[in-house]
Amino acid sequence: MGLEATQQSRTHIHEPGTVGLAAEPPLLDVQGLSVRFDGAPKGVNVVDDVSFSVRKGKTLCIVGESGCGKSVTSLALMGLLPTPPARIVAGSARFDGQDLLTLTERERADLRGDRMAMIFQEPMTSLNPAFTIGDQIAEGIVRHRKVSKAEAWERALDMLKKVRIPAPEKRLRAYPHEMSGGMRQRVMIAMALANDPQLLIADEPTTALDVTIQAQILMLIRRLQEETGTAMILITHDLGVVAEVADEVAVMYAGRVVESGPVEAIFEDPQHPYTIGLMGSVPSLGKRQGRLATIRGTVPPAELMPKGCRFTPRCPFSDSHCANDPPPLTEIKPGHKARCWYAPLEIHRGAAL
């Protein structure tokens, strides 16, 4: 699905000016999250001063290239980063008023799979090949609910029906290798939603699937989210997916959030050169006007991280100010922020644009 088409398909979802203005406090509020790996240069964090929030029933999309820190951020929130080598060195992550980063490992285990759940990119590495699908879904239900194994299997069967797996009674007793990639991903969704979590984190849940199955999985997640009121963080590099499902967007580059805001603001008025570059690299359904835009270079490794703005080596507008001084995340319009010395770009870089 092209970017223009997906943008048009979402125009009915939000009333102008309503996104991000609700009085209800966010379900998850992350402030200044920083993660460092052992051996990284002094002062260089792979996730650096990351802040965002997500409200009940809403979807936040975290977007960026591979290596930008999206998955590390999600694993830090879920308490799944191996320590060492990873260490959370700063920040807070308040989930329903409780700081996730101060919990004990037992408290984290009680939370995971219950009030918080995660769907991983590749289900074959997340499902145990030695146990049936029914056993694996029921295990999480028994762990967090005071039910018998028979009751857990009934709930597992119900979840397979909800994610529309054909012949669910038969699939309960199947092993992961006996199912297709799309079916295994549906199992992962069923497993994640079995205990009605308040927050679902989906890390590139459709990347390994063909485009037809991708659309089915995204539609399924959206439908189940609407039915349950679950908040969701969707991690992706696909702007077509973002335009289709997001309420709010956080664009990450080299471990930092470089732009954030309501999805309409990000697509209609991007204010960071990296965001603009991502937009220009997406094909549309219209008549081809020329070659797709590209962003020169690659995301820098930790040992080569620039001193100032981390996008400096790849930015067409950068100068010595950008190279030496890291810009703050500044609010351009209500709820819309950009980490660029020259935002709003149409004012400071109008001639170049």
Protein backbone atom coordinates (compact mmCIF):
# COMPACT_ATOMS: atom_id res chain seq x y z
CA MET A 1 0.00 0.00 0.00
CA GLY A 2 1.46 3.38 -1.02
CA LEU A 3 2.02 6.19 1.44
CA GLU A 4 -0.48 8.57 -0.18
CA ALA A 5 -3.20 5.93 -0.11
CA THR A 6 -2.60 5.02 3.52
CA GLN A 7 -2.63 8.67 4.54
CA GLN A 8 -5.98 9.14 2.84
CA SER A 9 -7.39 6.01 4.45
CA ARG A 10 -6.85 7.44 7.94
CA THR A 11 -8.30 10.92 7.51
CA HIS A 12 -11.53 9.94 9.23
CA ILE A 13 -9.96 8.61 12.42
CA HIS A 14 -9.07 11.82 14.28
CA GLU A 15 -10.90 15.08 14.64
CA PRO A 16 -8.57 18.05 14.07
CA GLY A 17 -6.83 19.21 17.20
CA THR A 18 -7.90 16.33 19.42
CA VAL A 19 -4.83 14.11 19.37
CA GLY A 20 -2.63 14.42 22.43
CA LEU A 21 -4.95 16.88 24.18
CA ALA A 22 -6.88 14.44 26.37
CA ALA A 23 -6.93 15.26 30.06
CA GLU A 24 -6.43 11.61 31.06
CA PRO A 25 -2.81 10.91 32.09
CA PRO A 26 -0.85 8.58 29.79
CA LEU A 27 -0.79 4.87 30.53
CA LEU A 28 2.95 4.83 29.84
CA ASP A 29 5.15 7.89 30.29
CA VAL A 30 8.85 7.51 29.39
CA GLN A 31 11.17 10.38 30.32
CA GLY A 32 14.90 10.67 29.59
CA LEU A 33 15.50 6.95 29.04
CA SER A 34 19.19 6.26 28.36
CA VAL A 35 20.79 2.85 27.76
CA ARG A 36 24.51 2.17 27.42
CA PHE A 37 26.38 -0.96 26.36
CA ASP A 38 29.61 -2.00 28.05
CA GLY A 39 32.57 -1.06 25.89
CA ALA A 40 30.88 1.92 24.23
CA PRO A 41 32.85 5.20 24.22
CA LYS A 42 32.44 7.28 27.37
CA GLY A 43 29.24 9.32 27.31
CA VAL A 44 27.80 7.56 24.23
CA ASN A 45 24.43 5.90 24.84
CA VAL A 46 22.75 3.61 22.32
CA VAL A 47 19.44 5.00 23.58
CA ASP A 48 19.90 8.59 24.65
CA ASP A 49 17.44 10.81 26.53
CA VAL A 50 14.36 9.22 24.92
CA SER A 51 10.96 10.53 26.00
CA PHE A 52 7.45 9.67 24.80
CA SER A 53 4.04 8.69 26.14
CA VAL A 54 1.11 6.53 25.05
CA ARG A 55 -2.49 6.74 26.22
CA LYS A 56 -5.08 4.03 26.76
CA GLY A 57 -6.51 2.72 23.49
CA LYS A 58 -4.01 4.70 21.38
CA THR A 59 -1.12 3.64 19.16
CA LEU A 60 2.35 5.16 19.24
CA CYS A 61 4.57 4.22 16.30
CA ILE A 62 8.34 4.38 16.83
CA VAL A 63 9.94 4.63 13.39
CA GLY A 64 13.49 4.69 12.06
CA GLU A 65 16.17 2.67 10.27
CA SER A 66 17.73 -0.46 11.67
CA GLY A 67 20.26 0.43 14.35
CA CYS A 68 18.39 3.51 15.59
CA GLY A 69 17.59 2.04 19.02
CA LYS A 70 13.92 1.17 18.55
CA SER A 71 14.13 -2.46 19.68
CA VAL A 72 16.57 -1.67 22.51
CA THR A 73 14.04 0.86 23.81
CA SER A 74 11.23 -1.71 23.80
CA LEU A 75 13.36 -4.40 25.45
CA ALA A 76 14.39 -1.94 28.16
CA LEU A 77 10.74 -1.23 28.92
CA MET A 78 9.95 -4.94 29.08
CA GLY A 79 12.98 -5.69 31.28
CA LEU A 80 14.45 -8.04 28.68
CA LEU A 81 17.84 -6.41 28.08
CA PRO A 82 20.74 -8.63 29.23
CA THR A 83 22.69 -6.91 32.02
CA PRO A 84 25.60 -6.87 31.31
CA PRO A 85 26.31 -5.73 28.63
CA ALA A 86 23.32 -3.37 28.54
CA ARG A 87 22.69 -0.93 31.38
CA ILE A 88 19.92 1.61 31.90
CA VAL A 89 21.86 4.65 33.06
CA ALA A 90 19.14 7.31 33.31
CA GLY A 91 15.45 8.03 33.00
CA SER A 92 12.07 6.78 34.17
CA ALA A 93 9.23 4.78 32.62
CA ARG A 94 6.00 5.13 34.55
CA PHE A 95 3.40 2.50 33.65
CA ASP A 96 0.03 3.22 35.22
CA GLY A 97 1.86 5.28 37.86
CA GLN A 98 4.54 2.66 38.59
CA ASP A 99 8.17 3.14 37.48
CA LEU A 100 9.13 0.06 35.46
CA LEU A 101 12.85 0.76 35.83
CA THR A 102 12.79 0.35 39.63
CA LEU A 103 10.99 -3.01 39.71
CA THR A 104 12.64 -6.21 40.91
CA GLU A 105 13.02 -9.08 38.46
CA ARG A 106 10.13 -10.91 40.16
CA GLU A 107 7.89 -7.86 39.82
CA ARG A 108 8.86 -7.56 36.16
CA ALA A 109 8.01 -11.22 35.56
CA ASP A 110 4.62 -10.71 37.18
CA LEU A 111 3.97 -7.79 34.82
CA ARG A 112 5.19 -9.34 31.56
CA GLY A 113 2.56 -11.35 29.76
CA ASP A 114 -0.13 -9.97 32.04
CA ARG A 115 -0.60 -6.17 32.07
CA MET A 116 2.20 -5.69 29.52
CA ALA A 117 2.85 -7.97 26.56
CA MET A 118 5.10 -8.06 23.51
CA ILE A 119 4.93 -9.43 19.97
CA PHE A 120 8.34 -10.12 18.46
CA GLN A 121 9.46 -9.81 14.86
CA GLU A 122 10.18 -13.48 14.16
CA PRO A 123 7.76 -15.94 15.82
CA MET A 124 9.93 -19.00 15.09
CA THR A 125 12.55 -17.67 17.51
CA SER A 126 9.90 -16.89 20.14
CA LEU A 127 7.85 -20.09 20.04
CA ASN A 128 9.29 -23.24 21.60
CA PRO A 129 9.49 -25.98 18.93
CA ALA A 130 9.16 -28.73 21.55
CA PHE A 131 5.69 -27.72 22.83
CA THR A 132 2.30 -27.47 21.19
CA ILE A 133 0.65 -24.14 20.46
CA GLY A 134 -1.99 -24.84 23.11
CA ASP A 135 0.60 -25.55 25.79
CA GLN A 136 2.47 -22.34 25.05
CA ILE A 137 -0.59 -20.09 25.15
CA ALA A 138 -2.01 -21.84 28.22
CA GLU A 139 1.31 -21.54 30.10
CA GLY A 140 1.05 -17.75 30.24
CA ILE A 141 -2.59 -17.90 31.29
CA VAL A 142 -1.88 -20.31 34.15
CA ARG A 143 1.12 -18.19 35.21
CA HIS A 144 -0.92 -15.02 35.65
CA ARG A 145 -4.47 -16.24 36.32
CA LYS A 146 -5.77 -18.56 39.04
CA VAL A 147 -7.25 -21.09 36.63
CA SER A 148 -6.88 -24.79 35.95
CA LYS A 149 -5.02 -26.11 32.93
CA ALA A 150 -8.33 -27.11 31.34
CA GLU A 151 -9.67 -23.57 31.77
CA ALA A 152 -6.45 -22.18 30.34
CA TRP A 153 -6.81 -24.39 27.28
CA GLU A 154 -10.38 -23.14 26.83
CA ARG A 155 -9.06 -19.58 26.92
CA ALA A 156 -6.32 -20.52 24.45
CA LEU A 157 -8.92 -21.96 22.09
CA ASP A 158 -10.97 -18.79 22.39
CA MET A 159 -7.92 -16.67 21.53
CA LEU A 160 -7.15 -18.75 18.43
CA LYS A 161 -10.72 -18.14 17.31
CA LYS A 162 -10.32 -14.41 17.93
CA VAL A 163 -7.21 -14.22 15.75
CA ARG A 164 -9.11 -16.20 13.09
CA ILE A 165 -6.93 -19.27 12.82
CA PRO A 166 -8.74 -21.97 10.79
CA ALA A 167 -9.57 -25.22 12.60
CA PRO A 168 -8.48 -23.81 16.00
CA GLU A 169 -9.16 -27.06 17.89
CA LYS A 170 -6.69 -28.85 15.63
CA ARG A 171 -4.13 -26.02 15.78
CA LEU A 172 -4.06 -26.12 19.57
CA ARG A 173 -2.31 -29.49 19.36
CA ALA A 174 -0.01 -28.50 16.48
CA TYR A 175 3.67 -27.60 16.82
CA PRO A 176 5.10 -24.29 15.50
CA HIS A 177 6.87 -25.91 12.52
CA GLU A 178 3.53 -27.26 11.31
CA MET A 179 2.17 -23.75 10.73
CA SER A 180 2.88 -21.03 8.19
CA GLY A 181 4.65 -17.77 9.08
CA GLY A 182 1.38 -15.84 9.05
CA MET A 183 -0.30 -18.40 11.30
CA ARG A 184 2.64 -18.38 13.73
CA GLN A 185 2.39 -14.60 13.96
CA ARG A 186 -1.33 -14.92 14.73
CA VAL A 187 -0.38 -17.36 17.50
CA MET A 188 2.03 -14.75 18.89
CA ILE A 189 -0.78 -12.17 18.89
CA ALA A 190 -3.10 -14.63 20.63
CA MET A 191 -0.44 -15.36 23.24
CA ALA A 192 0.24 -11.66 23.83
CA LEU A 193 -3.43 -10.76 24.23
CA ALA A 194 -4.52 -13.84 26.20
CA ASN A 195 -4.49 -12.01 29.54
CA ASP A 196 -6.01 -8.76 28.23
CA PRO A 197 -2.90 -6.56 28.67
CA GLN A 198 -3.20 -2.81 29.10
CA LEU A 199 -0.14 -2.24 26.90
CA LEU A 200 1.03 -4.18 23.87
CA ILE A 201 4.50 -3.65 22.35
CA ALA A 202 4.79 -4.95 18.78
CA ASP A 203 8.35 -5.02 17.42
CA GLU A 204 8.22 -5.17 13.60
CA PRO A 205 5.42 -7.78 13.75
CA THR A 206 4.93 -7.99 9.97
CA THR A 207 8.46 -7.60 8.58
CA ALA A 208 9.01 -11.30 7.84
CA LEU A 209 5.62 -11.70 6.10
CA ASP A 210 4.53 -11.07 2.52
CA VAL A 211 2.50 -7.92 1.86
CA THR A 212 -0.90 -9.63 1.75
CA ILE A 213 -0.35 -11.32 5.11
CA GLN A 214 1.10 -8.07 6.50
CA ALA A 215 -2.16 -6.27 5.75
CA GLN A 216 -4.19 -9.06 7.36
CA ILE A 217 -2.04 -9.03 10.53
CA LEU A 218 -2.23 -5.22 10.87
CA MET A 219 -6.00 -5.29 10.40
CA LEU A 220 -6.26 -8.04 13.00
CA ILE A 221 -4.17 -6.11 15.55
CA ARG A 222 -6.23 -2.95 15.01
CA ARG A 223 -9.52 -4.84 15.40
CA LEU A 224 -8.44 -6.56 18.60
CA GLN A 225 -7.08 -3.28 19.95
CA GLU A 226 -10.41 -1.56 19.33
CA GLU A 227 -12.26 -4.41 21.04
CA THR A 228 -10.05 -4.45 24.15
CA GLY A 229 -8.95 -0.79 24.49
CA THR A 230 -5.32 -1.90 24.69
CA ALA A 231 -2.65 0.78 24.20
CA MET A 232 0.03 -0.15 21.68
CA ILE A 233 3.61 0.76 20.83
CA LEU A 234 4.32 -0.37 17.27
CA ILE A 235 7.97 -0.41 16.23
CA THR A 236 8.53 -0.24 12.48
CA HIS A 237 10.61 1.19 9.66
CA ASP A 238 7.61 1.16 7.28
CA LEU A 239 6.01 4.61 6.92
CA GLY A 240 3.06 3.08 5.08
CA VAL A 241 2.27 1.11 8.24
CA VAL A 242 2.71 4.25 10.35
CA ALA A 243 0.24 6.20 8.22
CA GLU A 244 -2.23 3.35 8.52
CA VAL A 245 -2.28 2.69 12.27
CA ALA A 246 -0.58 5.46 14.29
CA ASP A 247 -2.14 8.09 16.53
CA GLU A 248 1.24 9.47 17.62
CA VAL A 249 4.69 9.05 16.05
CA ALA A 250 8.22 9.14 17.47
CA VAL A 251 10.99 9.21 14.84
CA MET A 252 14.27 7.80 16.19
CA TYR A 253 17.75 8.27 14.78
CA ALA A 254 21.00 6.98 16.30
CA GLY A 255 19.39 6.42 19.70
CA ARG A 256 17.56 9.74 19.97
CA VAL A 257 14.02 10.87 19.25
CA VAL A 258 14.51 13.48 16.53
CA GLU A 259 10.84 14.27 15.92
CA SER A 260 7.56 13.41 17.61
CA GLY A 261 3.92 14.40 17.44
CA PRO A 262 0.46 13.47 16.15
CA VAL A 263 0.59 11.39 12.97
CA GLU A 264 -1.12 14.12 10.95
CA ALA A 265 1.51 16.69 11.94
CA ILE A 266 4.41 14.37 11.12
CA PHE A 267 3.12 13.54 7.64
CA GLU A 268 1.77 16.96 6.72
CA ASP A 269 4.58 19.10 8.13
CA PRO A 270 7.77 17.11 8.93
CA GLN A 271 10.29 19.31 10.71
CA HIS A 272 13.48 17.23 10.87
CA PRO A 273 15.67 16.53 7.81
CA TYR A 274 15.76 12.84 8.71
CA THR A 275 11.97 12.59 8.74
CA ILE A 276 11.83 14.40 5.41
CA GLY A 277 14.38 11.96 4.02
CA LEU A 278 12.32 8.98 5.17
CA MET A 279 9.21 10.45 3.54
CA GLY A 280 11.03 11.01 0.26
CA SER A 281 12.22 7.41 0.11
CA VAL A 282 8.70 5.92 0.15
CA PRO A 283 7.07 5.01 -3.20
CA SER A 284 3.53 6.23 -3.92
CA LEU A 285 0.69 4.95 -6.10
CA GLY A 286 0.76 7.99 -8.38
CA LYS A 287 2.67 8.55 -11.61
CA ARG A 288 6.42 8.18 -11.15
CA GLN A 289 8.09 11.60 -11.11
CA GLY A 290 11.68 10.33 -11.05
CA ARG A 291 13.97 8.31 -8.83
CA LEU A 292 13.10 7.88 -5.16
CA ALA A 293 15.08 10.06 -2.77
CA THR A 294 17.80 8.43 -0.68
CA ILE A 295 19.54 9.36 2.56
CA ARG A 296 23.27 9.19 1.99
CA GLY A 297 25.42 7.19 4.39
CA THR A 298 24.38 4.94 7.26
CA VAL A 299 23.53 5.17 10.95
CA PRO A 300 26.87 5.72 12.76
CA PRO A 301 28.18 3.08 15.18
CA ALA A 302 28.79 4.09 18.81
CA GLU A 303 32.53 4.63 18.31
CA LEU A 304 31.86 7.11 15.48
CA MET A 305 28.94 8.98 16.99
CA PRO A 306 29.08 12.71 16.08
CA LYS A 307 29.65 15.22 18.86
CA GLY A 308 26.70 17.45 18.05
CA CYS A 309 23.58 16.45 16.13
CA ARG A 310 23.92 12.75 15.34
CA PHE A 311 22.41 13.25 11.89
CA THR A 312 25.08 15.81 10.89
CA PRO A 313 27.15 13.59 8.53
CA ARG A 314 24.04 12.74 6.47
CA CYS A 315 22.13 16.04 6.69
CA PRO A 316 22.04 18.34 3.61
CA PHE A 317 21.56 21.40 5.84
CA SER A 318 24.19 20.80 8.51
CA ASP A 319 26.88 23.33 9.47
CA SER A 320 29.48 23.77 12.21
CA HIS A 321 26.79 24.63 14.77
CA CYS A 322 25.11 21.27 14.11
CA ALA A 323 28.44 19.42 14.22
CA ASN A 324 29.47 20.77 17.62
CA ASP A 325 26.28 21.30 19.64
CA PRO A 326 23.56 18.67 20.14
CA PRO A 327 20.15 20.32 19.59
CA PRO A 328 17.35 19.96 22.15
CA LEU A 329 13.96 18.47 21.35
CA THR A 330 11.98 21.69 20.83
CA GLU A 331 8.22 22.12 20.51
CA ILE A 332 7.40 23.62 17.11
CA LYS A 333 3.63 23.52 17.50
CA PRO A 334 1.48 22.12 20.33
CA GLY A 335 2.47 18.45 20.67
CA HIS A 336 4.86 18.55 17.70
CA LYS A 337 8.57 18.51 18.58
CA ALA A 338 11.79 18.36 16.54
CA ARG A 339 15.44 17.99 17.50
CA CYS A 340 16.94 20.42 14.96
CA TRP A 341 18.63 23.82 15.36
CA TYR A 342 16.85 25.05 12.24
CA ALA A 343 13.27 24.00 12.93
CA PRO A 344 10.85 25.30 11.76
CA LEU A 345 12.70 24.42 8.55
CA GLU A 346 10.49 26.56 6.30
CA ILE A 347 11.66 29.64 8.19
CA HIS A 348 15.35 28.89 8.80
CA ARG A 349 16.02 26.79 5.71
CA GLY A 350 13.35 28.08 3.35
CA ALA A 351 15.75 28.82 0.52
CA ALA A 352 17.31 25.35 0.68
CA LEU A 353 13.94 23.60 0.82
